[in-house]
Amino acid sequence: MPVTTVTPHIRIDEQGRAWIDDSNVKVVEVVLDHIAYGWSAEEIHAQHSHLSLGQIYAALAYYYDHQAEFDREIEQSRRRADALAAEAAGSPVRQRLRASGKL
């Protein structure tokens, strides 16, 4: 499947991921800044000045148009991260760090 522009500033890659045009930023990255930090588009722009306000607003609009899909993807990623963290908690390296008081 070729890369497709679906709306101004947003393109979909071969794997179905939404990206902000002319950048190496995924839409979900902007969305996570908005959700996790409560940042407005203006604050996201202040933190990521390489993105235009138009690009940021387009990413947020695309998120709200596809919110259920994004929220499902974010929740799946969180669960994977939690599972990996739980697996790593008992690793030999972490045990040695814990025993030496460094963790």
PDB file of N, CA and C in Angstrom:
ATOM      1  N   MET A   1       0.843  -1.179   0.000  1.00  0.00           N
ATOM      2  CA  MET A   1       0.000   0.000   0.000  1.00  0.00           C
ATOM      3  C   MET A   1       0.888   1.243   0.000  1.00  0.00           C
ATOM      4  N   PRO A   2       0.751   2.140  -0.948  1.00  0.00           N
ATOM      5  CA  PRO A   2       1.601   3.328  -1.004  1.00  0.00           C
ATOM      6  C   PRO A   2       1.229   4.326   0.085  1.00  0.00           C
ATOM      7  N   VAL A   3       2.165   5.234   0.362  1.00  0.00           N
ATOM      8  CA  VAL A   3       1.895   6.319   1.299  1.00  0.00           C
ATOM      9  C   VAL A   3       0.797   7.189   0.714  1.00  0.00           C
ATOM     10  N   THR A   4      -0.176   7.547   1.541  1.00  0.00           N
ATOM     11  CA  THR A   4      -1.328   8.293   1.080  1.00  0.00           C
ATOM     12  C   THR A   4      -1.536   9.519   1.951  1.00  0.00           C
ATOM     13  N   THR A   5      -1.778  10.669   1.325  1.00  0.00           N
ATOM     14  CA  THR A   5      -2.171  11.855   2.062  1.00  0.00           C
ATOM     15  C   THR A   5      -3.675  11.800   2.223  1.00  0.00           C
ATOM     16  N   VAL A   6      -4.146  11.824   3.475  1.00  0.00           N
ATOM     17  CA  VAL A   6      -5.574  11.671   3.726  1.00  0.00           C
ATOM     18  C   VAL A   6      -6.260  12.990   4.033  1.00  0.00           C
ATOM     19  N   THR A   7      -5.507  13.947   4.490  1.00  0.00           N
ATOM     20  CA  THR A   7      -6.005  15.274   4.809  1.00  0.00           C
ATOM     21  C   THR A   7      -4.794  16.193   4.803  1.00  0.00           C
ATOM     22  N   PRO A   8      -4.984  17.484   4.624  1.00  0.00           N
ATOM     23  CA  PRO A   8      -3.792  18.342   4.649  1.00  0.00           C
ATOM     24  C   PRO A   8      -2.960  18.105   5.913  1.00  0.00           C
ATOM     25  N   HIS A   9      -1.680  17.948   5.744  1.00  0.00           N
ATOM     26  CA  HIS A   9      -0.685  17.747   6.802  1.00  0.00           C
ATOM     27  C   HIS A   9      -0.602  16.318   7.331  1.00  0.00           C
ATOM     28  N   ILE A  10      -1.478  15.413   6.921  1.00  0.00           N
ATOM     29  CA  ILE A  10      -1.468  14.051   7.464  1.00  0.00           C
ATOM     30  C   ILE A  10      -1.324  13.048   6.328  1.00  0.00           C
ATOM     31  N   ARG A  11      -0.407  12.099   6.523  1.00  0.00           N
ATOM     32  CA  ARG A  11      -0.240  11.030   5.545  1.00  0.00           C
ATOM     33  C   ARG A  11      -0.252   9.702   6.279  1.00  0.00           C
ATOM     34  N   ILE A  12      -0.627   8.651   5.573  1.00  0.00           N
ATOM     35  CA  ILE A  12      -0.669   7.301   6.124  1.00  0.00           C
ATOM     36  C   ILE A  12       0.411   6.481   5.433  1.00  0.00           C
ATOM     37  N   ASP A  13       1.248   5.800   6.213  1.00  0.00           N
ATOM     38  CA  ASP A  13       2.310   4.992   5.618  1.00  0.00           C
ATOM     39  C   ASP A  13       1.803   3.596   5.260  1.00  0.00           C
ATOM     40  N   GLU A  14       2.726   2.771   4.781  1.00  0.00           N
ATOM     41  CA  GLU A  14       2.379   1.433   4.319  1.00  0.00           C
ATOM     42  C   GLU A  14       1.827   0.541   5.430  1.00  0.00           C
ATOM     43  N   GLN A  15       2.190   0.833   6.676  1.00  0.00           N
ATOM     44  CA  GLN A  15       1.703   0.040   7.812  1.00  0.00           C
ATOM     45  C   GLN A  15       0.405   0.609   8.397  1.00  0.00           C
ATOM     46  N   GLY A  16      -0.110   1.676   7.807  1.00  0.00           N
ATOM     47  CA  GLY A  16      -1.356   2.269   8.281  1.00  0.00           C
ATOM     48  C   GLY A  16      -1.182   3.290   9.391  1.00  0.00           C
ATOM     49  N   ARG A  17       0.051   3.706   9.669  1.00  0.00           N
ATOM     50  CA  ARG A  17       0.311   4.703  10.704  1.00  0.00           C
ATOM     51  C   ARG A  17       0.161   6.103  10.131  1.00  0.00           C
ATOM     52  N   ALA A  18      -0.421   6.990  10.927  1.00  0.00           N
ATOM     53  CA  ALA A  18      -0.609   8.376  10.517  1.00  0.00           C
ATOM     54  C   ALA A  18       0.612   9.199  10.934  1.00  0.00           C
ATOM     55  N   TRP A  19       1.138   9.965   9.972  1.00  0.00           N
ATOM     56  CA  TRP A  19       2.311  10.811  10.184  1.00  0.00           C
ATOM     57  C   TRP A  19       1.963  12.250   9.841  1.00  0.00           C
ATOM     58  N   ILE A  20       2.676  13.183  10.437  1.00  0.00           N
ATOM     59  CA  ILE A  20       2.555  14.588  10.064  1.00  0.00           C
ATOM     60  C   ILE A  20       3.465  14.810   8.873  1.00  0.00           C
ATOM     61  N   ASP A  21       2.887  15.363   7.791  1.00  0.00           N
ATOM     62  CA  ASP A  21       3.663  15.624   6.574  1.00  0.00           C
ATOM     63  C   ASP A  21       4.894  16.471   6.861  1.00  0.00           C
ATOM     64  N   ASP A  22       5.911  16.245   6.051  1.00  0.00           N
ATOM     65  CA  ASP A  22       7.155  17.017   6.106  1.00  0.00           C
ATOM     66  C   ASP A  22       7.829  16.952   7.483  1.00  0.00           C
ATOM     67  N   SER A  23       7.633  15.847   8.188  1.00  0.00           N
ATOM     68  CA  SER A  23       8.273  15.671   9.491  1.00  0.00           C
ATOM     69  C   SER A  23       8.484  14.174   9.720  1.00  0.00           C
ATOM     70  N   ASN A  24       9.181  13.858  10.781  1.00  0.00           N
ATOM     71  CA  ASN A  24       9.325  12.459  11.174  1.00  0.00           C
ATOM     72  C   ASN A  24       8.543  12.208  12.466  1.00  0.00           C
ATOM     73  N   VAL A  25       7.401  12.888  12.589  1.00  0.00           N
ATOM     74  CA  VAL A  25       6.575  12.818  13.791  1.00  0.00           C
ATOM     75  C   VAL A  25       5.270  12.098  13.474  1.00  0.00           C
ATOM     76  N   LYS A  26       4.966  11.080  14.275  1.00  0.00           N
ATOM     77  CA  LYS A  26       3.693  10.382  14.123  1.00  0.00           C
ATOM     78  C   LYS A  26       2.592  11.188  14.806  1.00  0.00           C
ATOM     79  N   VAL A  27       1.393  11.083  14.286  1.00  0.00           N
ATOM     80  CA  VAL A  27       0.248  11.764  14.883  1.00  0.00           C
ATOM     81  C   VAL A  27       0.105  11.352  16.341  1.00  0.00           C
ATOM     82  N   VAL A  28       0.293  10.080  16.645  1.00  0.00           N
ATOM     83  CA  VAL A  28       0.117   9.599  18.016  1.00  0.00           C
ATOM     84  C   VAL A  28       1.076  10.285  18.986  1.00  0.00           C
ATOM     85  N   GLU A  29       2.240  10.719  18.533  1.00  0.00           N
ATOM     86  CA  GLU A  29       3.180  11.409  19.408  1.00  0.00           C
ATOM     87  C   GLU A  29       2.616  12.750  19.866  1.00  0.00           C
ATOM     88  N   VAL A  30       2.003  13.482  18.951  1.00  0.00           N
ATOM     89  CA  VAL A  30       1.363  14.756  19.302  1.00  0.00           C
ATOM     90  C   VAL A  30       0.178  14.487  20.223  1.00  0.00           C
ATOM     91  N   VAL A  31      -0.578  13.451  19.916  1.00  0.00           N
ATOM     92  CA  VAL A  31      -1.738  13.088  20.724  1.00  0.00           C
ATOM     93  C   VAL A  31      -1.307  12.756  22.150  1.00  0.00           C
ATOM     94  N   LEU A  32      -0.228  12.009  22.313  1.00  0.00           N
ATOM     95  CA  LEU A  32       0.240  11.654  23.647  1.00  0.00           C
ATOM     96  C   LEU A  32       0.678  12.887  24.432  1.00  0.00           C
ATOM     97  N   ASP A  33       1.305  13.855  23.785  1.00  0.00           N
ATOM     98  CA  ASP A  33       1.634  15.113  24.464  1.00  0.00           C
ATOM     99  C   ASP A  33       0.363  15.807  24.942  1.00  0.00           C
ATOM    100  N   HIS A  34      -0.638  15.808  24.099  1.00  0.00           N
ATOM    101  CA  HIS A  34      -1.912  16.442  24.440  1.00  0.00           C
ATOM    102  C   HIS A  34      -2.595  15.721  25.605  1.00  0.00           C
ATOM    103  N   ILE A  35      -2.618  14.388  25.564  1.00  0.00           N
ATOM    104  CA  ILE A  35      -3.304  13.607  26.597  1.00  0.00           C
ATOM    105  C   ILE A  35      -2.488  13.576  27.895  1.00  0.00           C
ATOM    106  N   ALA A  36      -1.226  13.215  27.801  1.00  0.00           N
ATOM    107  CA  ALA A  36      -0.407  12.990  28.993  1.00  0.00           C
ATOM    108  C   ALA A  36      -0.106  14.275  29.751  1.00  0.00           C
ATOM    109  N   TYR A  37       0.195  15.339  29.029  1.00  0.00           N
ATOM    110  CA  TYR A  37       0.583  16.587  29.671  1.00  0.00           C
ATOM    111  C   TYR A  37      -0.526  17.627  29.690  1.00  0.00           C
ATOM    112  N   GLY A  38      -1.598  17.368  28.935  1.00  0.00           N
ATOM    113  CA  GLY A  38      -2.675  18.348  28.853  1.00  0.00           C
ATOM    114  C   GLY A  38      -2.290  19.572  28.036  1.00  0.00           C
ATOM    115  N   TRP A  39      -1.276  19.406  27.182  1.00  0.00           N
ATOM    116  CA  TRP A  39      -0.788  20.542  26.397  1.00  0.00           C
ATOM    117  C   TRP A  39      -1.784  20.942  25.324  1.00  0.00           C
ATOM    118  N   SER A  40      -1.938  22.234  25.157  1.00  0.00           N
ATOM    119  CA  SER A  40      -2.721  22.782  24.046  1.00  0.00           C
ATOM    120  C   SER A  40      -1.869  22.717  22.790  1.00  0.00           C
ATOM    121  N   ALA A  41      -2.489  23.017  21.666  1.00  0.00           N
ATOM    122  CA  ALA A  41      -1.735  23.049  20.404  1.00  0.00           C
ATOM    123  C   ALA A  41      -0.602  24.071  20.483  1.00  0.00           C
ATOM    124  N   GLU A  42      -0.868  25.181  21.124  1.00  0.00           N
ATOM    125  CA  GLU A  42       0.153  26.226  21.249  1.00  0.00           C
ATOM    126  C   GLU A  42       1.333  25.751  22.096  1.00  0.00           C
ATOM    127  N   GLU A  43       1.058  25.009  23.169  1.00  0.00           N
ATOM    128  CA  GLU A  43       2.139  24.485  24.014  1.00  0.00           C
ATOM    129  C   GLU A  43       2.915  23.401  23.283  1.00  0.00           C
ATOM    130  N   ILE A  44       2.217  22.564  22.547  1.00  0.00           N
ATOM    131  CA  ILE A  44       2.906  21.545  21.744  1.00  0.00           C
ATOM    132  C   ILE A  44       3.825  22.233  20.744  1.00  0.00           C
ATOM    133  N   HIS A  45       3.343  23.323  20.144  1.00  0.00           N
ATOM    134  CA  HIS A  45       4.167  24.085  19.194  1.00  0.00           C
ATOM    135  C   HIS A  45       5.391  24.679  19.900  1.00  0.00           C
ATOM    136  N   ALA A  46       5.212  25.165  21.122  1.00  0.00           N
ATOM    137  CA  ALA A  46       6.344  25.717  21.877  1.00  0.00           C
ATOM    138  C   ALA A  46       7.380  24.631  22.177  1.00  0.00           C
ATOM    139  N   GLN A  47       6.912  23.410  22.440  1.00  0.00           N
ATOM    140  CA  GLN A  47       7.810  22.306  22.754  1.00  0.00           C
ATOM    141  C   GLN A  47       8.418  21.669  21.504  1.00  0.00           C
ATOM    142  N   HIS A  48       7.707  21.767  20.391  1.00  0.00           N
ATOM    143  CA  HIS A  48       8.141  21.163  19.120  1.00  0.00           C
ATOM    144  C   HIS A  48       8.027  22.224  18.020  1.00  0.00           C
ATOM    145  N   SER A  49       8.880  23.209  18.091  1.00  0.00           N
ATOM    146  CA  SER A  49       8.760  24.368  17.193  1.00  0.00           C
ATOM    147  C   SER A  49       8.979  24.019  15.722  1.00  0.00           C
ATOM    148  N   HIS A  50       9.496  22.827  15.442  1.00  0.00           N
ATOM    149  CA  HIS A  50       9.661  22.414  14.049  1.00  0.00           C
ATOM    150  C   HIS A  50       8.325  22.061  13.404  1.00  0.00           C
ATOM    151  N   LEU A  51       7.272  21.896  14.221  1.00  0.00           N
ATOM    152  CA  LEU A  51       5.932  21.641  13.691  1.00  0.00           C
ATOM    153  C   LEU A  51       5.157  22.950  13.651  1.00  0.00           C
ATOM    154  N   SER A  52       4.415  23.143  12.583  1.00  0.00           N
ATOM    155  CA  SER A  52       3.582  24.343  12.503  1.00  0.00           C
ATOM    156  C   SER A  52       2.299  24.119  13.294  1.00  0.00           C
ATOM    157  N   LEU A  53       1.642  25.212  13.653  1.00  0.00           N
ATOM    158  CA  LEU A  53       0.348  25.077  14.320  1.00  0.00           C
ATOM    159  C   LEU A  53      -0.642  24.348  13.429  1.00  0.00           C
ATOM    160  N   GLY A  54      -0.577  24.576  12.121  1.00  0.00           N
ATOM    161  CA  GLY A  54      -1.455  23.872  11.195  1.00  0.00           C
ATOM    162  C   GLY A  54      -1.243  22.372  11.252  1.00  0.00           C
ATOM    163  N   GLN A  55       0.016  21.949  11.308  1.00  0.00           N
ATOM    164  CA  GLN A  55       0.318  20.524  11.408  1.00  0.00           C
ATOM    165  C   GLN A  55      -0.215  19.944  12.722  1.00  0.00           C
ATOM    166  N   ILE A  56      -0.035  20.679  13.798  1.00  0.00           N
ATOM    167  CA  ILE A  56      -0.470  20.204  15.112  1.00  0.00           C
ATOM    168  C   ILE A  56      -1.987  20.116  15.180  1.00  0.00           C
ATOM    169  N   TYR A  57      -2.663  21.161  14.726  1.00  0.00           N
ATOM    170  CA  TYR A  57      -4.127  21.126  14.728  1.00  0.00           C
ATOM    171  C   TYR A  57      -4.654  20.017  13.820  1.00  0.00           C
ATOM    172  N   ALA A  58      -3.986  19.782  12.700  1.00  0.00           N
ATOM    173  CA  ALA A  58      -4.405  18.697  11.806  1.00  0.00           C
ATOM    174  C   ALA A  58      -4.240  17.349  12.497  1.00  0.00           C
ATOM    175  N   ALA A  59      -3.135  17.172  13.237  1.00  0.00           N
ATOM    176  CA  ALA A  59      -2.912  15.917  13.964  1.00  0.00           C
ATOM    177  C   ALA A  59      -3.984  15.714  15.026  1.00  0.00           C
ATOM    178  N   LEU A  60      -4.308  16.765  15.759  1.00  0.00           N
ATOM    179  CA  LEU A  60      -5.341  16.645  16.790  1.00  0.00           C
ATOM    180  C   LEU A  60      -6.713  16.382  16.170  1.00  0.00           C
ATOM    181  N   ALA A  61      -7.010  17.046  15.058  1.00  0.00           N
ATOM    182  CA  ALA A  61      -8.288  16.807  14.380  1.00  0.00           C
ATOM    183  C   ALA A  61      -8.361  15.376  13.880  1.00  0.00           C
ATOM    184  N   TYR A  62      -7.253  14.875  13.324  1.00  0.00           N
ATOM    185  CA  TYR A  62      -7.238  13.491  12.842  1.00  0.00           C
ATOM    186  C   TYR A  62      -7.453  12.530  14.007  1.00  0.00           C
ATOM    187  N   TYR A  63      -6.835  12.830  15.142  1.00  0.00           N
ATOM    188  CA  TYR A  63      -7.048  12.002  16.339  1.00  0.00           C
ATOM    189  C   TYR A  63      -8.530  11.969  16.717  1.00  0.00           C
ATOM    190  N   TYR A  64      -9.143  13.139  16.816  1.00  0.00           N
ATOM    191  CA  TYR A  64     -10.546  13.165  17.242  1.00  0.00           C
ATOM    192  C   TYR A  64     -11.469  12.501  16.226  1.00  0.00           C
ATOM    193  N   ASP A  65     -11.094  12.533  14.960  1.00  0.00           N
ATOM    194  CA  ASP A  65     -11.880  11.832  13.943  1.00  0.00           C
ATOM    195  C   ASP A  65     -11.716  10.310  14.029  1.00  0.00           C
ATOM    196  N   HIS A  66     -10.617   9.854  14.646  1.00  0.00           N
ATOM    197  CA  HIS A  66     -10.304   8.419  14.754  1.00  0.00           C
ATOM    198  C   HIS A  66      -9.978   8.040  16.195  1.00  0.00           C
ATOM    199  N   GLN A  67     -10.640   8.687  17.144  1.00  0.00           N
ATOM    200  CA  GLN A  67     -10.283   8.576  18.553  1.00  0.00           C
ATOM    201  C   GLN A  67     -10.340   7.147  19.084  1.00  0.00           C
ATOM    202  N   ALA A  68     -11.358   6.401  18.750  1.00  0.00           N
ATOM    203  CA  ALA A  68     -11.472   5.036  19.279  1.00  0.00           C
ATOM    204  C   ALA A  68     -10.283   4.184  18.853  1.00  0.00           C
ATOM    205  N   GLU A  69      -9.863   4.317  17.596  1.00  0.00           N
ATOM    206  CA  GLU A  69      -8.715   3.546  17.104  1.00  0.00           C
ATOM    207  C   GLU A  69      -7.437   3.949  17.829  1.00  0.00           C
ATOM    208  N   PHE A  70      -7.216   5.263  17.960  1.00  0.00           N
ATOM    209  CA  PHE A  70      -6.008   5.739  18.638  1.00  0.00           C
ATOM    210  C   PHE A  70      -6.014   5.326  20.103  1.00  0.00           C
ATOM    211  N   ASP A  71      -7.144   5.490  20.774  1.00  0.00           N
ATOM    212  CA  ASP A  71      -7.205   5.139  22.192  1.00  0.00           C
ATOM    213  C   ASP A  71      -6.947   3.647  22.401  1.00  0.00           C
ATOM    214  N   ARG A  72      -7.442   2.821  21.488  1.00  0.00           N
ATOM    215  CA  ARG A  72      -7.198   1.375  21.564  1.00  0.00           C
ATOM    216  C   ARG A  72      -5.699   1.097  21.381  1.00  0.00           C
ATOM    217  N   GLU A  73      -5.082   1.741  20.412  1.00  0.00           N
ATOM    218  CA  GLU A  73      -3.648   1.557  20.159  1.00  0.00           C
ATOM    219  C   GLU A  73      -2.815   2.019  21.355  1.00  0.00           C
ATOM    220  N   ILE A  74      -3.183   3.147  21.938  1.00  0.00           N
ATOM    221  CA  ILE A  74      -2.457   3.676  23.098  1.00  0.00           C
ATOM    222  C   ILE A  74      -2.578   2.715  24.274  1.00  0.00           C
ATOM    223  N   GLU A  75      -3.764   2.189  24.508  1.00  0.00           N
ATOM    224  CA  GLU A  75      -3.977   1.243  25.610  1.00  0.00           C
ATOM    225  C   GLU A  75      -3.183  -0.050  25.374  1.00  0.00           C
ATOM    226  N   GLN A  76      -3.151  -0.550  24.151  1.00  0.00           N
ATOM    227  CA  GLN A  76      -2.370  -1.755  23.845  1.00  0.00           C
ATOM    228  C   GLN A  76      -0.885  -1.511  24.084  1.00  0.00           C
ATOM    229  N   SER A  77      -0.397  -0.351  23.694  1.00  0.00           N
ATOM    230  CA  SER A  77       1.015  -0.006  23.908  1.00  0.00           C
ATOM    231  C   SER A  77       1.327   0.093  25.398  1.00  0.00           C
ATOM    232  N   ARG A  78       0.414   0.671  26.172  1.00  0.00           N
ATOM    233  CA  ARG A  78       0.612   0.783  27.612  1.00  0.00           C
ATOM    234  C   ARG A  78       0.677  -0.596  28.249  1.00  0.00           C
ATOM    235  N   ARG A  79      -0.203  -1.497  27.822  1.00  0.00           N
ATOM    236  CA  ARG A  79      -0.196  -2.853  28.367  1.00  0.00           C
ATOM    237  C   ARG A  79       1.093  -3.587  28.027  1.00  0.00           C
ATOM    238  N   ARG A  80       1.582  -3.409  26.777  1.00  0.00           N
ATOM    239  CA  ARG A  80       2.850  -4.041  26.388  1.00  0.00           C
ATOM    240  C   ARG A  80       3.996  -3.504  27.238  1.00  0.00           C
ATOM    241  N   ALA A  81       4.010  -2.195  27.453  1.00  0.00           N
ATOM    242  CA  ALA A  81       5.066  -1.586  28.264  1.00  0.00           C
ATOM    243  C   ALA A  81       5.007  -2.090  29.704  1.00  0.00           C
ATOM    244  N   ASP A  82       3.803  -2.196  30.261  1.00  0.00           N
ATOM    245  CA  ASP A  82       3.653  -2.716  31.618  1.00  0.00           C
ATOM    246  C   ASP A  82       4.142  -4.164  31.712  1.00  0.00           C
ATOM    247  N   ALA A  83       3.820  -4.973  30.715  1.00  0.00           N
ATOM    248  CA  ALA A  83       4.247  -6.370  30.708  1.00  0.00           C
ATOM    249  C   ALA A  83       5.767  -6.467  30.622  1.00  0.00           C
ATOM    250  N   LEU A  84       6.373  -5.657  29.776  1.00  0.00           N
ATOM    251  CA  LEU A  84       7.834  -5.666  29.650  1.00  0.00           C
ATOM    252  C   LEU A  84       8.493  -5.201  30.943  1.00  0.00           C
ATOM    253  N   ALA A  85       7.921  -4.197  31.584  1.00  0.00           N
ATOM    254  CA  ALA A  85       8.469  -3.710  32.853  1.00  0.00           C
ATOM    255  C   ALA A  85       8.370  -4.786  33.925  1.00  0.00           C
ATOM    256  N   ALA A  86       7.260  -5.496  33.944  1.00  0.00           N
ATOM    257  CA  ALA A  86       7.091  -6.569  34.923  1.00  0.00           C
ATOM    258  C   ALA A  86       8.104  -7.685  34.678  1.00  0.00           C
ATOM    259  N   GLU A  87       8.342  -8.016  33.417  1.00  0.00           N
ATOM    260  CA  GLU A  87       9.336  -9.041  33.082  1.00  0.00           C
ATOM    261  C   GLU A  87      10.732  -8.616  33.510  1.00  0.00           C
ATOM    262  N   ALA A  88      11.055  -7.360  33.302  1.00  0.00           N
ATOM    263  CA  ALA A  88      12.392  -6.863  33.610  1.00  0.00           C
ATOM    264  C   ALA A  88      12.614  -6.692  35.107  1.00  0.00           C
ATOM    265  N   ALA A  89      11.552  -6.594  35.880  1.00  0.00           N
ATOM    266  CA  ALA A  89      11.685  -6.364  37.322  1.00  0.00           C
ATOM    267  C   ALA A  89      12.500  -7.444  38.006  1.00  0.00           C
ATOM    268  N   GLY A  90      12.412  -8.665  37.535  1.00  0.00           N
ATOM    269  CA  GLY A  90      13.139  -9.760  38.163  1.00  0.00           C
ATOM    270  C   GLY A  90      14.429 -10.127  37.465  1.00  0.00           C
ATOM    271  N   SER A  91      14.897  -9.288  36.554  1.00  0.00           N
ATOM    272  CA  SER A  91      16.107  -9.628  35.802  1.00  0.00           C
ATOM    273  C   SER A  91      17.324  -9.653  36.726  1.00  0.00           C
ATOM    274  N   PRO A  92      18.323 -10.450  36.375  1.00  0.00           N
ATOM    275  CA  PRO A  92      19.536 -10.526  37.198  1.00  0.00           C
ATOM    276  C   PRO A  92      20.216  -9.172  37.395  1.00  0.00           C
ATOM    277  N   VAL A  93      20.224  -8.351  36.379  1.00  0.00           N
ATOM    278  CA  VAL A  93      20.855  -7.028  36.497  1.00  0.00           C
ATOM    279  C   VAL A  93      20.110  -6.185  37.515  1.00  0.00           C
ATOM    280  N   ARG A  94      18.793  -6.160  37.434  1.00  0.00           N
ATOM    281  CA  ARG A  94      17.997  -5.385  38.398  1.00  0.00           C
ATOM    282  C   ARG A  94      18.165  -5.940  39.806  1.00  0.00           C
ATOM    283  N   GLN A  95      18.268  -7.244  39.940  1.00  0.00           N
ATOM    284  CA  GLN A  95      18.467  -7.845  41.260  1.00  0.00           C
ATOM    285  C   GLN A  95      19.805  -7.410  41.856  1.00  0.00           C
ATOM    286  N   ARG A  96      20.860  -7.394  41.027  1.00  0.00           N
ATOM    287  CA  ARG A  96      22.179  -6.948  41.501  1.00  0.00           C
ATOM    288  C   ARG A  96      22.149  -5.469  41.873  1.00  0.00           C
ATOM    289  N   LEU A  97      21.487  -4.658  41.043  1.00  0.00           N
ATOM    290  CA  LEU A  97      21.384  -3.222  41.367  1.00  0.00           C
ATOM    291  C   LEU A  97      20.615  -3.009  42.649  1.00  0.00           C
ATOM    292  N   ARG A  98      19.537  -3.744  42.840  1.00  0.00           N
ATOM    293  CA  ARG A  98      18.726  -3.638  44.050  1.00  0.00           C
ATOM    294  C   ARG A  98      19.565  -4.054  45.255  1.00  0.00           C
ATOM    295  N   ALA A  99      20.309  -5.160  45.137  1.00  0.00           N
ATOM    296  CA  ALA A  99      21.129  -5.672  46.246  1.00  0.00           C
ATOM    297  C   ALA A  99      22.238  -4.688  46.615  1.00  0.00           C
ATOM    298  N   SER A 100      22.738  -3.948  45.627  1.00  0.00           N
ATOM    299  CA  SER A 100      23.808  -2.988  45.915  1.00  0.00           C
ATOM    300  C   SER A 100      23.276  -1.626  46.320  1.00  0.00           C
ATOM    301  N   GLY A 101      21.946  -1.500  46.402  1.00  0.00           N
ATOM    302  CA  GLY A 101      21.345  -0.239  46.849  1.00  0.00           C
ATOM    303  C   GLY A 101      21.283   0.842  45.771  1.00  0.00           C
ATOM    304  N   LYS A 102      21.514   0.459  44.537  1.00  0.00           N
ATOM    305  CA  LYS A 102      21.499   1.437  43.453  1.00  0.00           C
ATOM    306  C   LYS A 102      20.134   1.541  42.777  1.00  0.00           C
ATOM    307  N   LEU A 103      19.215   0.740  43.251  1.00  0.00           N
ATOM    308  CA  LEU A 103      17.867   0.769  42.657  1.00  0.00           C
ATOM    309  C   LEU A 103      16.820   0.713  43.735  1.00  0.00           C
TER     310      LEU A 103
END
